[in-house]
Amino acid sequence: MSTIWYECKIKYRKTDETGGQKITTEPYLVDALSYTEAEKRINEEMAAYISEEFKIT
């Protein structure tokens, strides 16, 4: 079975060096069998690192 990579973009508020917040979008590659699995995996992974609300695109 071949490997399928999905690009997931996460949009969230990030605190910069000066203490201000800005909305940031970061791309991540996820190895999954379907888009649904990729979305589930990136959701679980990002929940451990981002305490606020985030959006997957």
Protein backbone atom coordinates (compact mmCIF):
# COMPACT_ATOMS: atom_id res chain seq x y z
CA MET A 1 0.00 0.00 0.00
CA SER A 2 1.36 3.40 -0.94
CA THR A 3 1.74 6.29 1.47
CA ILE A 4 -0.69 9.18 1.06
CA TRP A 5 0.23 12.57 2.51
CA TYR A 6 -2.35 15.25 3.29
CA GLU A 7 -1.49 18.88 3.87
CA CYS A 8 -3.45 20.30 6.79
CA LYS A 9 -3.36 24.00 7.54
CA ILE A 10 -3.97 25.08 11.12
CA LYS A 11 -5.19 28.62 11.80
CA TYR A 12 -4.88 29.92 15.37
CA ARG A 13 -3.88 32.89 17.53
CA LYS A 14 -0.18 32.98 18.30
CA THR A 15 1.60 35.16 20.83
CA ASP A 16 4.64 36.87 19.28
CA GLU A 17 7.88 38.04 20.93
CA THR A 18 6.38 41.38 22.01
CA GLY A 19 3.42 39.73 23.77
CA GLY A 20 0.89 40.65 21.12
CA GLN A 21 -1.38 38.12 19.48
CA LYS A 22 -1.83 37.56 15.78
CA ILE A 23 -3.66 34.99 13.69
CA THR A 24 -1.24 32.53 12.12
CA THR A 25 -1.71 29.75 9.58
CA GLU A 26 0.81 26.89 9.59
CA PRO A 27 0.91 23.92 7.20
CA TYR A 28 1.51 20.35 8.42
CA LEU A 29 1.89 17.07 6.51
CA VAL A 30 -0.07 14.10 7.80
CA ASP A 31 0.31 10.46 6.71
CA ALA A 32 -3.20 8.96 6.57
CA LEU A 33 -5.44 6.65 4.54
CA SER A 34 -8.19 9.24 4.02
CA TYR A 35 -8.90 12.92 4.50
CA THR A 36 -11.12 12.09 7.48
CA GLU A 37 -8.31 10.21 9.20
CA ALA A 38 -5.86 13.04 8.47
CA GLU A 39 -8.25 15.57 10.01
CA LYS A 40 -8.73 13.40 13.10
CA ARG A 41 -4.99 12.87 13.57
CA ILE A 42 -4.04 16.54 13.17
CA ASN A 43 -6.88 17.53 15.52
CA GLU A 44 -5.57 15.19 18.24
CA GLU A 45 -1.97 16.30 17.72
CA MET A 46 -2.67 20.04 17.78
CA ALA A 47 -4.93 19.82 20.84
CA ALA A 48 -1.82 18.89 22.85
CA TYR A 49 0.05 22.05 21.71
CA ILE A 50 -2.64 24.71 21.24
CA SER A 51 -4.81 25.48 24.25
CA GLU A 52 -7.10 27.91 22.44
CA GLU A 53 -9.50 27.38 19.57
CA PHE A 54 -8.00 26.48 16.18
CA LYS A 55 -9.37 25.82 12.70
CA ILE A 56 -8.26 23.12 10.24
CA THR A 57 -8.37 24.03 6.55
